[in-house]
C-alpha atoms as a PDB file:
ATOM      1  CA  LEU A   1    -133.679-107.221 -58.425  1.00  0.00           C
ATOM      2  CA  GLN A   2    -134.531-109.231 -55.474  1.00  0.00           C
ATOM      3  CA  ASN A   3    -130.877-110.892 -55.670  1.00  0.00           C
ATOM      4  CA  ASP A   4    -129.166-107.890 -55.893  1.00  0.00           C
ATOM      5  CA  HIS A   5    -131.236-106.680 -52.664  1.00  0.00           C
ATOM      6  CA  LYS A   6    -131.021-109.788 -50.934  1.00  0.00           C
ATOM      7  CA  ALA A   7    -126.764-109.784 -51.628  1.00  0.00           C
ATOM      8  CA  LEU A   8    -126.889-105.885 -50.597  1.00  0.00           C
ATOM      9  CA  MET A   9    -128.409-106.680 -46.826  1.00  0.00           C
ATOM     10  CA  LYS A  10    -126.050-109.436 -46.409  1.00  0.00           C
ATOM     11  CA  GLN A  11    -123.301-106.860 -46.935  1.00  0.00           C
ATOM     12  CA  VAL A  12    -125.163-104.647 -45.125  1.00  0.00           C
ATOM     13  CA  GLU A  13    -125.354-107.445 -42.164  1.00  0.00           C
ATOM     14  CA  GLU A  14    -121.856-108.925 -42.190  1.00  0.00           C
ATOM     15  CA  ALA A  15    -120.029-104.924 -42.207  1.00  0.00           C
ATOM     16  CA  LEU A  16    -122.320-104.404 -38.466  1.00  0.00           C
ATOM     17  CA  HIS A  17    -121.401-107.506 -37.542  1.00  0.00           C
ATOM     18  CA  GLN A  18    -117.609-106.704 -37.608  1.00  0.00           C
ATOM     19  CA  LEU A  19    -118.189-103.043 -37.001  1.00  0.00           C
ATOM     20  CA  HIS A  20    -119.458-104.710 -33.506  1.00  0.00           C
ATOM     21  CA  ALA A  21    -116.928-106.769 -33.221  1.00  0.00           C
ATOM     22  CA  ARG A  22    -114.261-104.569 -33.164  1.00  0.00           C
ATOM     23  CA  GLU A  23    -116.389-102.017 -30.838  1.00  0.00           C
ATOM     24  CA  LYS A  24    -115.510-104.930 -27.944  1.00  0.00           C
ATOM     25  CA  GLU A  25    -112.715-105.291 -29.031  1.00  0.00           C
ATOM     26  CA  LYS A  26    -111.970-101.677 -28.066  1.00  0.00           C
ATOM     27  CA  HIS A  27    -114.586-101.349 -25.314  1.00  0.00           C
ATOM     28  CA  ALA A  28    -112.050-104.350 -23.714  1.00  0.00           C
ATOM     29  CA  ARG A  29    -109.109-102.869 -24.295  1.00  0.00           C
ATOM     30  CA  ASP A  30    -109.999 -99.676 -23.224  1.00  0.00           C
ATOM     31  CA  GLU A  31    -110.977-102.000 -19.561  1.00  0.00           C
ATOM     32  CA  ALA A  32    -108.175-104.085 -19.763  1.00  0.00           C
ATOM     33  CA  GLU A  33    -105.673-100.186 -19.702  1.00  0.00           C
ATOM     34  CA  ALA A  34    -107.685 -98.541 -17.280  1.00  0.00           C
ATOM     35  CA  LEU A  35    -107.643-102.010 -14.685  1.00  0.00           C
ATOM     36  CA  ALA A  36    -103.883-101.839 -15.203  1.00  0.00           C
ATOM     37  CA  GLU A  37    -103.624 -97.664 -14.741  1.00  0.00           C
ATOM     38  CA  ALA A  38    -105.690 -98.187 -11.594  1.00  0.00           C
ATOM     39  CA  LEU A  39    -103.207-101.205 -10.337  1.00  0.00           C
ATOM     40  CA  SER A  40    -100.231 -98.992 -10.767  1.00  0.00           C
ATOM     41  CA  GLN A  41    -100.844 -95.876  -9.082  1.00  0.00           C
ATOM     42  CA  ALA A  42    -101.785 -98.268  -6.095  1.00  0.00           C
ATOM     43  CA  GLN A  43     -98.683 -99.940  -5.944  1.00  0.00           C
ATOM     44  CA  SER A  44     -97.466 -96.825  -6.364  1.00  0.00           C
ATOM     45  CA  LEU A  45     -98.747 -95.118  -3.389  1.00  0.00           C
ATOM     46  CA  PRO A  46     -96.392 -95.616  -0.007  1.00  0.00           C
ATOM     47  CA  GLN A  47     -97.515 -98.116   2.479  1.00  0.00           C
ATOM     48  CA  ALA A  48     -99.366 -95.971   5.352  1.00  0.00           C
ATOM     49  CA  PHE A  49     -98.537 -97.388   9.235  1.00  0.00           C
ATOM     50  CA  ALA A  50    -101.065 -95.847  10.707  1.00  0.00           C
ATOM     51  CA  LYS A  51    -104.622 -94.390  10.525  1.00  0.00           C
ATOM     52  CA  VAL A  52    -106.307 -91.271  11.947  1.00  0.00           C
ATOM     53  CA  ASN A  53    -109.487 -92.098  14.118  1.00  0.00           C
ATOM     54  CA  ALA A  54    -110.217 -88.441  15.027  1.00  0.00           C
ATOM     55  CA  VAL A  55    -109.382 -85.099  14.912  1.00  0.00           C
ATOM     56  CA  THR A  56    -109.954 -83.041  17.957  1.00  0.00           C
ATOM     57  CA  PRO A  57    -112.222 -79.218  16.508  1.00  0.00           C
ATOM     58  CA  GLY A  58    -109.501 -76.506  16.854  1.00  0.00           C
ATOM     59  CA  SER A  59    -106.433 -78.554  17.901  1.00  0.00           C
ATOM     60  CA  PRO A  60    -103.439 -78.152  15.926  1.00  0.00           C
ATOM     61  CA  ALA A  61    -104.173 -81.680  13.998  1.00  0.00           C
ATOM     62  CA  SER A  62    -106.972 -80.035  13.376  1.00  0.00           C
ATOM     63  CA  ILE A  63    -105.456 -76.188  11.874  1.00  0.00           C
ATOM     64  CA  SER A  64    -103.348 -78.005   9.712  1.00  0.00           C
ATOM     65  CA  GLY A  65    -105.717 -79.880   7.727  1.00  0.00           C
ATOM     66  CA  LEU A  66    -105.026 -83.776   9.239  1.00  0.00           C
ATOM     67  CA  GLN A  67    -108.555 -85.112   8.333  1.00  0.00           C
ATOM     68  CA  VAL A  68    -110.006 -88.405  10.438  1.00  0.00           C
ATOM     69  CA  ASP A  69    -109.729 -92.088   8.287  1.00  0.00           C
ATOM     70  CA  ASP A  70    -106.044 -90.037   6.397  1.00  0.00           C
ATOM     71  CA  GLU A  71    -103.528 -93.373   6.777  1.00  0.00           C
ATOM     72  CA  ILE A  72    -100.103 -91.683   7.513  1.00  0.00           C
ATOM     73  CA  VAL A  73     -97.466 -91.904   5.304  1.00  0.00           C
ATOM     74  CA  GLU A  74     -94.795 -90.275   6.257  1.00  0.00           C
ATOM     75  CA  PHE A  75     -94.488 -88.491  10.368  1.00  0.00           C
ATOM     76  CA  GLY A  76     -91.500 -86.373  10.435  1.00  0.00           C
ATOM     77  CA  SER A  77     -89.046 -88.262   9.977  1.00  0.00           C
ATOM     78  CA  VAL A  78     -90.862 -91.760  10.993  1.00  0.00           C
ATOM     79  CA  ASN A  79     -92.440 -94.091   7.992  1.00  0.00           C
ATOM     80  CA  ALA A  80     -93.331 -97.225   6.743  1.00  0.00           C
ATOM     81  CA  ASN A  81     -89.995 -98.508   6.353  1.00  0.00           C
ATOM     82  CA  ASN A  82     -88.798 -97.512  10.525  1.00  0.00           C
ATOM     83  CA  PHE A  83     -91.853 -97.567  12.106  1.00  0.00           C
ATOM     84  CA  GLU A  84     -92.373 -99.895  14.948  1.00  0.00           C
ATOM     85  CA  SER A  85     -94.975 -98.258  17.211  1.00  0.00           C
ATOM     86  CA  LEU A  86     -96.719 -95.620  17.883  1.00  0.00           C
ATOM     87  CA  GLN A  87     -94.554 -94.054  20.786  1.00  0.00           C
ATOM     88  CA  ASN A  88     -92.061 -93.537  17.691  1.00  0.00           C
ATOM     89  CA  VAL A  89     -94.191 -91.077  16.808  1.00  0.00           C
ATOM     90  CA  ALA A  90     -94.598 -89.436  20.328  1.00  0.00           C
ATOM     91  CA  THR A  91     -90.798 -88.970  20.530  1.00  0.00           C
ATOM     92  CA  VAL A  92     -91.090 -86.700  16.408  1.00  0.00           C
ATOM     93  CA  VAL A  93     -94.384 -84.741  18.458  1.00  0.00           C
ATOM     94  CA  GLN A  94     -92.093 -83.756  21.530  1.00  0.00           C
ATOM     95  CA  HIS A  95     -89.150 -82.836  19.961  1.00  0.00           C
ATOM     96  CA  SER A  96     -90.695 -80.680  17.153  1.00  0.00           C
ATOM     97  CA  GLU A  97     -92.955 -78.709  19.990  1.00  0.00           C
ATOM     98  CA  GLY A  98     -93.351 -75.497  18.001  1.00  0.00           C
ATOM     99  CA  ARG A  99     -91.372 -76.592  14.828  1.00  0.00           C
ATOM    100  CA  PRO A 100     -93.226 -77.087  11.503  1.00  0.00           C
ATOM    101  CA  LEU A 101     -93.567 -81.120  10.799  1.00  0.00           C
ATOM    102  CA  SER A 102     -93.781 -82.291   7.313  1.00  0.00           C
ATOM    103  CA  VAL A 103     -96.880 -85.510   6.991  1.00  0.00           C
ATOM    104  CA  THR A 104     -97.283 -87.225   4.186  1.00  0.00           C
ATOM    105  CA  VAL A 105    -101.267 -88.887   4.042  1.00  0.00           C
ATOM    106  CA  ILE A 106    -103.107 -90.906   2.021  1.00  0.00           C
ATOM    107  CA  ARG A 107    -106.326 -89.677   1.866  1.00  0.00           C
ATOM    108  CA  SER A 108    -109.505 -90.635  -1.194  1.00  0.00           C
ATOM    109  CA  GLY A 109    -106.595 -92.727  -2.717  1.00  0.00           C
ATOM    110  CA  LYS A 110    -104.424 -89.495  -3.316  1.00  0.00           C
ATOM    111  CA  LYS A 111    -100.634 -89.004  -1.540  1.00  0.00           C
ATOM    112  CA  VAL A 112    -101.194 -85.258   0.214  1.00  0.00           C
ATOM    113  CA  HIS A 113     -98.572 -83.797   2.090  1.00  0.00           C
ATOM    114  CA  VAL A 114     -99.603 -81.723   5.728  1.00  0.00           C
ATOM    115  CA  GLY A 115     -97.560 -79.198   7.361  1.00  0.00           C
ATOM    116  CA  LEU A 116     -98.250 -79.485  10.930  1.00  0.00           C
ATOM    117  CA  THR A 117     -96.761 -77.678  14.120  1.00  0.00           C
ATOM    118  CA  PRO A 118     -96.925 -80.019  17.376  1.00  0.00           C
ATOM    119  CA  LYS A 119     -97.853 -77.188  20.141  1.00  0.00           C
ATOM    120  CA  ARG A 120    -100.036 -76.109  23.391  1.00  0.00           C
ATOM    121  CA  TRP A 121    -103.279 -75.916  22.900  1.00  0.00           C
ATOM    122  CA  ALA A 122    -106.829 -75.566  24.808  1.00  0.00           C
ATOM    123  CA  GLY A 123    -106.930 -79.435  24.443  1.00  0.00           C
ATOM    124  CA  LYS A 124    -104.657 -82.656  25.452  1.00  0.00           C
ATOM    125  CA  GLY A 125    -101.148 -83.386  23.935  1.00  0.00           C
ATOM    126  CA  LEU A 126    -100.050 -81.499  21.279  1.00  0.00           C
ATOM    127  CA  LEU A 127    -101.870 -82.576  18.719  1.00  0.00           C
ATOM    128  CA  GLY A 128    -104.862 -83.125  19.138  1.00  0.00           C
END
């Protein structure tokens, strides 16, 4: 009887080791897949060329939903490929006064589209 108990306990112990080893492998595989997915998402986001550091309350930028720390990917016709200086953005703004512009930003790791209409308002500039 004692020999049967020892043999049975040895089988249970081996089965538990196998079970935990499979779980450990599965966990490592899941972590690797999650990391690979996060990297592919980060790589699929377009490159930003500017970052919003201030938005004046009540301004056209504020009304459109633009937020501080938004990273600008596209501003009308300006994008990372043709951006040279902020003068490019200023030119687009001046030529688009009163007309909506398509602005694409990266906010919290996600691509967000914002409709922005440059116009005169109580504050300085056409955007705020």
